[in-house]
PDB file of N, CA and C in Angstrom:
ATOM      1  N   UNK A   1     -12.411   9.379 -29.722  1.00  0.00           N
ATOM      2  CA  UNK A   1     -11.778   8.174 -28.909  1.00  0.00           C
ATOM      3  C   UNK A   1     -11.428   7.106 -30.021  1.00  0.00           C
ATOM      4  N   UNK A   2     -10.116   6.706 -29.497  1.00  0.00           N
ATOM      5  CA  UNK A   2      -9.504   5.763 -30.297  1.00  0.00           C
ATOM      6  C   UNK A   2      -9.925   4.425 -30.169  1.00  0.00           C
ATOM      7  N   UNK A   3     -10.506   3.794 -30.759  1.00  0.00           N
ATOM      8  CA  UNK A   3     -10.998   2.342 -30.610  1.00  0.00           C
ATOM      9  C   UNK A   3     -10.122   1.371 -31.328  1.00  0.00           C
ATOM     10  N   UNK A   4      -9.396   1.783 -32.318  1.00  0.00           N
ATOM     11  CA  UNK A   4      -8.543   1.123 -33.204  1.00  0.00           C
ATOM     12  C   UNK A   4      -7.359   0.300 -32.437  1.00  0.00           C
ATOM     13  N   UNK A   5      -7.098   0.751 -31.245  1.00  0.00           N
ATOM     14  CA  UNK A   5      -5.989   0.157 -30.409  1.00  0.00           C
ATOM     15  C   UNK A   5      -6.753  -0.345 -29.071  1.00  0.00           C
ATOM     16  N   UNK A   6      -8.104  -0.695 -28.963  1.00  0.00           N
ATOM     17  CA  UNK A   6      -8.564  -0.983 -27.878  1.00  0.00           C
ATOM     18  C   UNK A   6      -8.437  -2.382 -27.620  1.00  0.00           C
ATOM     19  N   UNK A   7      -8.242  -2.771 -26.304  1.00  0.00           N
ATOM     20  CA  UNK A   7      -8.091  -4.222 -25.839  1.00  0.00           C
ATOM     21  C   UNK A   7      -8.964  -4.502 -24.732  1.00  0.00           C
ATOM     22  N   UNK A   8      -9.799  -5.460 -24.898  1.00  0.00           N
ATOM     23  CA  UNK A   8     -10.472  -5.986 -23.645  1.00  0.00           C
ATOM     24  C   UNK A   8      -9.659  -6.590 -22.399  1.00  0.00           C
ATOM     25  N   UNK A   9      -8.674  -7.138 -22.904  1.00  0.00           N
ATOM     26  CA  UNK A   9      -7.725  -7.505 -21.872  1.00  0.00           C
ATOM     27  C   UNK A   9      -7.082  -6.446 -21.081  1.00  0.00           C
ATOM     28  N   UNK A  10      -6.687  -5.335 -21.783  1.00  0.00           N
ATOM     29  CA  UNK A  10      -6.132  -4.320 -21.280  1.00  0.00           C
ATOM     30  C   UNK A  10      -7.190  -3.487 -20.269  1.00  0.00           C
ATOM     31  N   UNK A  11      -8.266  -3.466 -21.003  1.00  0.00           N
ATOM     32  CA  UNK A  11      -9.315  -2.722 -20.166  1.00  0.00           C
ATOM     33  C   UNK A  11      -9.734  -3.463 -18.788  1.00  0.00           C
ATOM     34  N   UNK A  12      -9.845  -4.865 -18.974  1.00  0.00           N
ATOM     35  CA  UNK A  12     -10.125  -5.524 -17.743  1.00  0.00           C
ATOM     36  C   UNK A  12      -8.990  -5.524 -16.545  1.00  0.00           C
ATOM     37  N   UNK A  13      -7.830  -5.430 -17.288  1.00  0.00           N
ATOM     38  CA  UNK A  13      -6.517  -5.295 -16.414  1.00  0.00           C
ATOM     39  C   UNK A  13      -6.612  -4.061 -15.732  1.00  0.00           C
ATOM     40  N   UNK A  14      -6.865  -2.878 -16.193  1.00  0.00           N
ATOM     41  CA  UNK A  14      -6.993  -1.805 -15.780  1.00  0.00           C
ATOM     42  C   UNK A  14      -8.050  -1.666 -14.597  1.00  0.00           C
ATOM     43  N   UNK A  15      -9.307  -2.132 -14.968  1.00  0.00           N
ATOM     44  CA  UNK A  15     -10.179  -2.175 -14.104  1.00  0.00           C
ATOM     45  C   UNK A  15      -9.967  -2.870 -12.642  1.00  0.00           C
ATOM     46  N   UNK A  16      -9.213  -4.067 -12.921  1.00  0.00           N
ATOM     47  CA  UNK A  16      -8.927  -4.781 -11.816  1.00  0.00           C
ATOM     48  C   UNK A  16      -7.846  -3.933 -10.864  1.00  0.00           C
ATOM     49  N   UNK A  17      -6.766  -3.547 -11.835  1.00  0.00           N
ATOM     50  CA  UNK A  17      -5.774  -2.570 -11.105  1.00  0.00           C
ATOM     51  C   UNK A  17      -6.238  -1.388 -10.239  1.00  0.00           C
ATOM     52  N   UNK A  18      -7.315  -0.867 -10.918  1.00  0.00           N
ATOM     53  CA  UNK A  18      -7.855   0.398 -10.175  1.00  0.00           C
ATOM     54  C   UNK A  18      -8.699  -0.169  -9.024  1.00  0.00           C
ATOM     55  N   UNK A  19      -9.347  -1.209  -9.319  1.00  0.00           N
ATOM     56  CA  UNK A  19     -10.110  -1.739  -8.121  1.00  0.00           C
ATOM     57  C   UNK A  19      -9.142  -2.121  -6.758  1.00  0.00           C
ATOM     58  N   UNK A  20      -7.916  -2.660  -7.196  1.00  0.00           N
ATOM     59  CA  UNK A  20      -7.077  -2.882  -6.087  1.00  0.00           C
ATOM     60  C   UNK A  20      -6.315  -1.705  -5.497  1.00  0.00           C
ATOM     61  N   UNK A  21      -6.158  -0.659  -6.394  1.00  0.00           N
ATOM     62  CA  UNK A  21      -5.637   0.542  -6.067  1.00  0.00           C
ATOM     63  C   UNK A  21      -6.586   1.174  -4.937  1.00  0.00           C
ATOM     64  N   UNK A  22      -8.086   1.222  -5.324  1.00  0.00           N
ATOM     65  CA  UNK A  22      -8.972   1.668  -4.320  1.00  0.00           C
ATOM     66  C   UNK A  22      -8.990   0.742  -3.032  1.00  0.00           C
ATOM     67  N   UNK A  23      -8.822  -0.394  -2.928  1.00  0.00           N
ATOM     68  CA  UNK A  23      -8.622  -1.266  -1.908  1.00  0.00           C
ATOM     69  C   UNK A  23      -7.542  -0.856  -0.944  1.00  0.00           C
ATOM     70  N   UNK A  24      -6.412  -0.442  -1.634  1.00  0.00           N
ATOM     71  CA  UNK A  24      -5.092  -0.017  -1.079  1.00  0.00           C
ATOM     72  C   UNK A  24      -5.487   1.337  -0.390  1.00  0.00           C
ATOM     73  N   UNK A  25      -6.102   2.331  -1.403  1.00  0.00           N
ATOM     74  CA  UNK A  25      -6.720   3.463  -0.613  1.00  0.00           C
ATOM     75  C   UNK A  25      -7.485   3.419   0.673  1.00  0.00           C
ATOM     76  N   UNK A  26      -8.464   2.593   0.698  1.00  0.00           N
ATOM     77  CA  UNK A  26      -9.394   2.560   1.481  1.00  0.00           C
ATOM     78  C   UNK A  26      -8.702   1.830   2.905  1.00  0.00           C
ATOM     79  N   UNK A  27      -7.898   0.817   2.746  1.00  0.00           N
ATOM     80  CA  UNK A  27      -7.150   0.491   3.765  1.00  0.00           C
ATOM     81  C   UNK A  27      -6.095   1.143   4.382  1.00  0.00           C
ATOM     82  N   UNK A  28      -5.564   2.233   3.492  1.00  0.00           N
ATOM     83  CA  UNK A  28      -4.613   3.106   3.877  1.00  0.00           C
ATOM     84  C   UNK A  28      -5.201   4.128   4.961  1.00  0.00           C
ATOM     85  N   UNK A  29      -6.428   4.726   4.446  1.00  0.00           N
ATOM     86  CA  UNK A  29      -7.271   5.437   5.305  1.00  0.00           C
ATOM     87  C   UNK A  29      -7.744   4.852   6.792  1.00  0.00           C
ATOM     88  N   UNK A  30      -7.922   3.631   6.591  1.00  0.00           N
ATOM     89  CA  UNK A  30      -8.358   2.950   8.005  1.00  0.00           C
ATOM     90  C   UNK A  30      -7.351   2.913   8.684  1.00  0.00           C
ATOM     91  N   UNK A  31      -6.087   2.620   8.432  1.00  0.00           N
ATOM     92  CA  UNK A  31      -4.701   2.361   9.043  1.00  0.00           C
ATOM     93  C   UNK A  31      -4.198   3.809   9.658  1.00  0.00           C
ATOM     94  N   UNK A  32      -4.559   4.801   8.717  1.00  0.00           N
ATOM     95  CA  UNK A  32      -3.968   6.106   9.271  1.00  0.00           C
ATOM     96  C   UNK A  32      -4.963   6.597  10.224  1.00  0.00           C
ATOM     97  N   UNK A  33      -6.332   6.455  10.249  1.00  0.00           N
ATOM     98  CA  UNK A  33      -7.240   6.768  11.294  1.00  0.00           C
ATOM     99  C   UNK A  33      -6.873   5.983  12.619  1.00  0.00           C
ATOM    100  N   UNK A  34      -6.618   4.665  12.540  1.00  0.00           N
ATOM    101  CA  UNK A  34      -6.241   3.893  13.719  1.00  0.00           C
ATOM    102  C   UNK A  34      -4.755   4.104  14.092  1.00  0.00           C
ATOM    103  N   UNK A  35      -3.858   5.077  13.303  1.00  0.00           N
ATOM    104  CA  UNK A  35      -2.617   5.297  13.741  1.00  0.00           C
ATOM    105  C   UNK A  35      -1.693   4.193  13.725  1.00  0.00           C
ATOM    106  N   UNK A  36      -1.838   3.489  12.690  1.00  0.00           N
ATOM    107  CA  UNK A  36      -0.704   2.134  12.542  1.00  0.00           C
ATOM    108  C   UNK A  36       0.016   2.722  11.379  1.00  0.00           C
ATOM    109  N   UNK A  37       1.317   3.062  11.776  1.00  0.00           N
ATOM    110  CA  UNK A  37       2.224   3.690  10.773  1.00  0.00           C
ATOM    111  C   UNK A  37       2.722   2.480   9.880  1.00  0.00           C
ATOM    112  N   UNK A  38       3.281   1.283  10.117  1.00  0.00           N
ATOM    113  CA  UNK A  38       3.655   0.398   9.362  1.00  0.00           C
ATOM    114  C   UNK A  38       2.666   0.170   8.296  1.00  0.00           C
ATOM    115  N   UNK A  39       1.546  -0.274   8.605  1.00  0.00           N
ATOM    116  CA  UNK A  39       0.504  -0.896   7.552  1.00  0.00           C
ATOM    117  C   UNK A  39       0.089   0.446   6.719  1.00  0.00           C
ATOM    118  N   UNK A  40       0.004   1.526   7.175  1.00  0.00           N
ATOM    119  CA  UNK A  40      -0.309   2.574   6.406  1.00  0.00           C
ATOM    120  C   UNK A  40       0.870   2.992   5.538  1.00  0.00           C
ATOM    121  N   UNK A  41       2.132   2.922   5.776  1.00  0.00           N
ATOM    122  CA  UNK A  41       3.010   3.015   4.706  1.00  0.00           C
ATOM    123  C   UNK A  41       3.060   1.839   3.626  1.00  0.00           C
ATOM    124  N   UNK A  42       2.886   0.825   4.190  1.00  0.00           N
ATOM    125  CA  UNK A  42       2.735  -0.455   3.159  1.00  0.00           C
ATOM    126  C   UNK A  42       1.739  -0.060   2.157  1.00  0.00           C
ATOM    127  N   UNK A  43       0.428   0.419   2.745  1.00  0.00           N
ATOM    128  CA  UNK A  43      -0.633   0.541   1.701  1.00  0.00           C
ATOM    129  C   UNK A  43      -0.434   1.878   0.744  1.00  0.00           C
ATOM    130  N   UNK A  44       0.456   2.782   1.401  1.00  0.00           N
ATOM    131  CA  UNK A  44       0.711   3.954   0.542  1.00  0.00           C
ATOM    132  C   UNK A  44       1.958   3.624  -0.631  1.00  0.00           C
ATOM    133  N   UNK A  45       2.681   2.813  -0.249  1.00  0.00           N
ATOM    134  CA  UNK A  45       3.738   2.204  -1.477  1.00  0.00           C
ATOM    135  C   UNK A  45       2.937   1.386  -2.361  1.00  0.00           C
ATOM    136  N   UNK A  46       1.896   0.593  -1.863  1.00  0.00           N
ATOM    137  CA  UNK A  46       1.097  -0.437  -2.816  1.00  0.00           C
ATOM    138  C   UNK A  46       0.284   0.579  -3.657  1.00  0.00           C
ATOM    139  N   UNK A  47      -0.278   1.857  -3.414  1.00  0.00           N
ATOM    140  CA  UNK A  47      -0.946   2.736  -4.091  1.00  0.00           C
ATOM    141  C   UNK A  47      -0.152   3.076  -5.178  1.00  0.00           C
ATOM    142  N   UNK A  48       1.046   3.527  -5.084  1.00  0.00           N
ATOM    143  CA  UNK A  48       1.969   4.185  -6.064  1.00  0.00           C
ATOM    144  C   UNK A  48       2.171   3.103  -7.094  1.00  0.00           C
ATOM    145  N   UNK A  49       2.451   1.748  -6.620  1.00  0.00           N
ATOM    146  CA  UNK A  49       2.865   0.808  -7.679  1.00  0.00           C
ATOM    147  C   UNK A  49       1.631   0.375  -8.536  1.00  0.00           C
ATOM    148  N   UNK A  50       0.376   0.247  -7.857  1.00  0.00           N
ATOM    149  CA  UNK A  50      -0.789  -0.046  -8.777  1.00  0.00           C
ATOM    150  C   UNK A  50      -1.262   0.987  -9.498  1.00  0.00           C
ATOM    151  N   UNK A  51      -1.184   2.291  -9.021  1.00  0.00           N
ATOM    152  CA  UNK A  51      -1.606   3.425  -9.823  1.00  0.00           C
ATOM    153  C   UNK A  51      -0.528   3.565 -11.129  1.00  0.00           C
ATOM    154  N   UNK A  52       0.596   3.433 -10.855  1.00  0.00           N
ATOM    155  CA  UNK A  52       1.592   3.515 -12.101  1.00  0.00           C
ATOM    156  C   UNK A  52       1.032   2.777 -13.055  1.00  0.00           C
ATOM    157  N   UNK A  53       0.981   1.422 -12.853  1.00  0.00           N
ATOM    158  CA  UNK A  53       0.413   0.599 -14.040  1.00  0.00           C
ATOM    159  C   UNK A  53      -0.832   1.212 -14.581  1.00  0.00           C
ATOM    160  N   UNK A  54      -1.717   1.548 -13.724  1.00  0.00           N
ATOM    161  CA  UNK A  54      -3.157   2.069 -14.357  1.00  0.00           C
ATOM    162  C   UNK A  54      -2.879   3.209 -15.089  1.00  0.00           C
ATOM    163  N   UNK A  55      -2.177   4.208 -14.480  1.00  0.00           N
ATOM    164  CA  UNK A  55      -1.957   5.730 -15.461  1.00  0.00           C
ATOM    165  C   UNK A  55      -1.190   5.444 -16.644  1.00  0.00           C
ATOM    166  N   UNK A  56      -0.233   4.707 -16.679  1.00  0.00           N
ATOM    167  CA  UNK A  56       0.579   4.546 -17.885  1.00  0.00           C
ATOM    168  C   UNK A  56      -0.270   3.955 -19.048  1.00  0.00           C
ATOM    169  N   UNK A  57      -1.239   3.234 -18.543  1.00  0.00           N
ATOM    170  CA  UNK A  57      -2.021   2.571 -19.495  1.00  0.00           C
ATOM    171  C   UNK A  57      -3.279   3.486 -20.146  1.00  0.00           C
ATOM    172  N   UNK A  58      -3.802   4.025 -19.254  1.00  0.00           N
ATOM    173  CA  UNK A  58      -5.192   4.760 -19.739  1.00  0.00           C
ATOM    174  C   UNK A  58      -4.760   6.271 -20.377  1.00  0.00           C
ATOM    175  N   UNK A  59      -3.457   6.513 -20.074  1.00  0.00           N
ATOM    176  CA  UNK A  59      -2.972   7.814 -20.747  1.00  0.00           C
ATOM    177  C   UNK A  59      -2.684   7.601 -22.268  1.00  0.00           C
ATOM    178  N   UNK A  60      -2.408   6.306 -22.857  1.00  0.00           N
ATOM    179  CA  UNK A  60      -2.278   6.078 -23.960  1.00  0.00           C
ATOM    180  C   UNK A  60      -3.524   6.011 -24.803  1.00  0.00           C
ATOM    181  N   UNK A  61      -4.707   5.610 -24.117  1.00  0.00           N
ATOM    182  CA  UNK A  61      -5.876   5.636 -25.011  1.00  0.00           C
ATOM    183  C   UNK A  61      -6.980   5.937 -23.755  1.00  0.00           C
ATOM    184  N   UNK A  62      -7.707   7.144 -23.913  1.00  0.00           N
ATOM    185  CA  UNK A  62      -8.646   7.590 -23.148  1.00  0.00           C
ATOM    186  C   UNK A  62      -9.994   6.830 -22.930  1.00  0.00           C
ATOM    187  N   UNK A  63     -10.180   5.792 -23.441  1.00  0.00           N
ATOM    188  CA  UNK A  63     -11.303   4.797 -23.348  1.00  0.00           C
ATOM    189  C   UNK A  63     -11.274   4.187 -22.045  1.00  0.00           C
ATOM    190  N   UNK A  64      -9.616   3.676 -21.701  1.00  0.00           N
ATOM    191  CA  UNK A  64      -9.402   3.155 -20.295  1.00  0.00           C
ATOM    192  C   UNK A  64      -9.693   3.867 -19.192  1.00  0.00           C
ATOM    193  N   UNK A  65      -9.894   4.965 -19.281  1.00  0.00           N
ATOM    194  CA  UNK A  65     -10.426   5.905 -18.073  1.00  0.00           C
ATOM    195  C   UNK A  65     -11.856   5.114 -17.653  1.00  0.00           C
ATOM    196  N   UNK A  66     -12.900   4.766 -18.549  1.00  0.00           N
ATOM    197  CA  UNK A  66     -13.910   4.143 -18.113  1.00  0.00           C
ATOM    198  C   UNK A  66     -13.588   3.061 -17.088  1.00  0.00           C
ATOM    199  N   UNK A  67     -12.526   2.125 -17.603  1.00  0.00           N
ATOM    200  CA  UNK A  67     -12.138   1.052 -16.819  1.00  0.00           C
ATOM    201  C   UNK A  67     -11.514   1.308 -15.455  1.00  0.00           C
ATOM    202  N   UNK A  68     -10.783   2.571 -15.342  1.00  0.00           N
ATOM    203  CA  UNK A  68     -10.403   3.084 -14.090  1.00  0.00           C
ATOM    204  C   UNK A  68     -11.430   3.337 -13.268  1.00  0.00           C
ATOM    205  N   UNK A  69     -12.470   4.049 -13.769  1.00  0.00           N
ATOM    206  CA  UNK A  69     -13.533   4.655 -13.023  1.00  0.00           C
ATOM    207  C   UNK A  69     -14.315   3.357 -12.528  1.00  0.00           C
ATOM    208  N   UNK A  70     -14.747   2.369 -13.201  1.00  0.00           N
ATOM    209  CA  UNK A  70     -15.429   1.133 -12.763  1.00  0.00           C
ATOM    210  C   UNK A  70     -14.538   0.661 -11.730  1.00  0.00           C
ATOM    211  N   UNK A  71     -13.393   0.448 -11.738  1.00  0.00           N
ATOM    212  CA  UNK A  71     -12.441  -0.360 -11.040  1.00  0.00           C
ATOM    213  C   UNK A  71     -12.442   0.373  -9.697  1.00  0.00           C
ATOM    214  N   UNK A  72     -12.181   1.640  -9.757  1.00  0.00           N
ATOM    215  CA  UNK A  72     -12.251   2.585  -8.525  1.00  0.00           C
ATOM    216  C   UNK A  72     -13.336   2.512  -7.710  1.00  0.00           C
ATOM    217  N   UNK A  73     -14.493   2.347  -8.414  1.00  0.00           N
ATOM    218  CA  UNK A  73     -15.943   2.243  -7.571  1.00  0.00           C
ATOM    219  C   UNK A  73     -16.118   0.925  -7.043  1.00  0.00           C
ATOM    220  N   UNK A  74     -15.581  -0.125  -7.827  1.00  0.00           N
ATOM    221  CA  UNK A  74     -15.780  -1.659  -7.221  1.00  0.00           C
ATOM    222  C   UNK A  74     -14.777  -1.785  -5.910  1.00  0.00           C
ATOM    223  N   UNK A  75     -13.613  -1.136  -6.190  1.00  0.00           N
ATOM    224  CA  UNK A  75     -12.682  -1.417  -5.134  1.00  0.00           C
ATOM    225  C   UNK A  75     -12.947  -0.893  -3.787  1.00  0.00           C
ATOM    226  N   UNK A  76     -13.476   0.473  -3.762  1.00  0.00           N
ATOM    227  CA  UNK A  76     -13.949   1.079  -2.382  1.00  0.00           C
ATOM    228  C   UNK A  76     -15.209   0.540  -1.984  1.00  0.00           C
ATOM    229  N   UNK A  77     -16.235   0.078  -2.824  1.00  0.00           N
ATOM    230  CA  UNK A  77     -17.375  -0.382  -2.390  1.00  0.00           C
ATOM    231  C   UNK A  77     -17.017  -1.731  -1.744  1.00  0.00           C
ATOM    232  N   UNK A  78     -16.444  -2.629  -2.403  1.00  0.00           N
ATOM    233  CA  UNK A  78     -16.310  -4.026  -1.731  1.00  0.00           C
ATOM    234  C   UNK A  78     -15.376  -3.952  -0.652  1.00  0.00           C
ATOM    235  N   UNK A  79     -14.431  -3.134  -0.401  1.00  0.00           N
ATOM    236  CA  UNK A  79     -13.590  -2.878   0.780  1.00  0.00           C
ATOM    237  C   UNK A  79     -14.285  -2.472   1.920  1.00  0.00           C
ATOM    238  N   UNK A  80     -15.250  -1.666   1.542  1.00  0.00           N
ATOM    239  CA  UNK A  80     -15.944  -0.890   2.954  1.00  0.00           C
ATOM    240  C   UNK A  80     -17.117  -2.012   3.289  1.00  0.00           C
ATOM    241  N   UNK A  81     -17.701  -2.721   2.262  1.00  0.00           N
ATOM    242  CA  UNK A  81     -18.601  -3.821   2.753  1.00  0.00           C
ATOM    243  C   UNK A  81     -17.828  -4.879   3.373  1.00  0.00           C
ATOM    244  N   UNK A  82     -16.835  -5.152   3.172  1.00  0.00           N
ATOM    245  CA  UNK A  82     -15.879  -6.250   3.737  1.00  0.00           C
ATOM    246  C   UNK A  82     -15.624  -5.736   5.054  1.00  0.00           C
ATOM    247  N   UNK A  83     -15.151  -4.570   5.412  1.00  0.00           N
ATOM    248  CA  UNK A  83     -14.759  -4.126   6.640  1.00  0.00           C
ATOM    249  C   UNK A  83     -16.075  -4.033   7.661  1.00  0.00           C
ATOM    250  N   UNK A  84     -17.355  -3.659   7.054  1.00  0.00           N
ATOM    251  CA  UNK A  84     -18.404  -3.655   7.810  1.00  0.00           C
ATOM    252  C   UNK A  84     -18.894  -5.118   8.250  1.00  0.00           C
ATOM    253  N   UNK A  85     -18.631  -5.926   7.291  1.00  0.00           N
ATOM    254  CA  UNK A  85     -18.794  -7.481   7.697  1.00  0.00           C
ATOM    255  C   UNK A  85     -18.203  -7.942   8.659  1.00  0.00           C
ATOM    256  N   UNK A  86     -16.623  -7.699   8.361  1.00  0.00           N
ATOM    257  CA  UNK A  86     -15.775  -8.222   9.621  1.00  0.00           C
ATOM    258  C   UNK A  86     -16.007  -7.550  10.841  1.00  0.00           C
ATOM    259  N   UNK A  87     -16.334  -6.127  11.001  1.00  0.00           N
ATOM    260  CA  UNK A  87     -16.615  -5.577  12.381  1.00  0.00           C
ATOM    261  C   UNK A  87     -17.856  -6.019  12.873  1.00  0.00           C
ATOM    262  N   UNK A  88     -18.857  -6.645  12.208  1.00  0.00           N
ATOM    263  CA  UNK A  88     -20.116  -7.340  12.764  1.00  0.00           C
ATOM    264  C   UNK A  88     -19.643  -8.530  13.377  1.00  0.00           C
ATOM    265  N   UNK A  89     -18.817  -9.157  12.615  1.00  0.00           N
ATOM    266  CA  UNK A  89     -18.525 -10.514  13.171  1.00  0.00           C
ATOM    267  C   UNK A  89     -17.641 -10.373  14.537  1.00  0.00           C
ATOM    268  N   UNK A  90     -16.824  -9.295  14.340  1.00  0.00           N
ATOM    269  CA  UNK A  90     -15.955  -9.139  15.794  1.00  0.00           C
ATOM    270  C   UNK A  90     -16.763  -8.682  16.778  1.00  0.00           C
ATOM    271  N   UNK A  91     -17.903  -7.860  16.739  1.00  0.00           N
ATOM    272  CA  UNK A  91     -18.888  -7.268  17.675  1.00  0.00           C
ATOM    273  C   UNK A  91     -19.714  -8.407  18.079  1.00  0.00           C
ATOM    274  N   UNK A  92     -19.767  -9.792  17.334  1.00  0.00           N
ATOM    275  CA  UNK A  92     -20.936 -10.769  17.759  1.00  0.00           C
ATOM    276  C   UNK A  92     -20.310 -11.484  18.937  1.00  0.00           C
TER     277      UNK A  92
END
């Protein structure tokens, strides 16, 4: 691994971008399941936009894959927890 060109700022940006990408993926699947074409199309476009930034950065330095991994986990986890919480409020 190449630590000589490692940047903590880039690492954190990739992690946040990947978390955002997974938020988009999760919301995309929710909208597809609920047959909402326009919102699903929006999330699909956002996935491409955010993922493009992430991939172009971690291809340059493989250590950034760890940031992508952590961001992906965080993004999906937080979105599912948020969805459960909003559904509980709606059911009350």
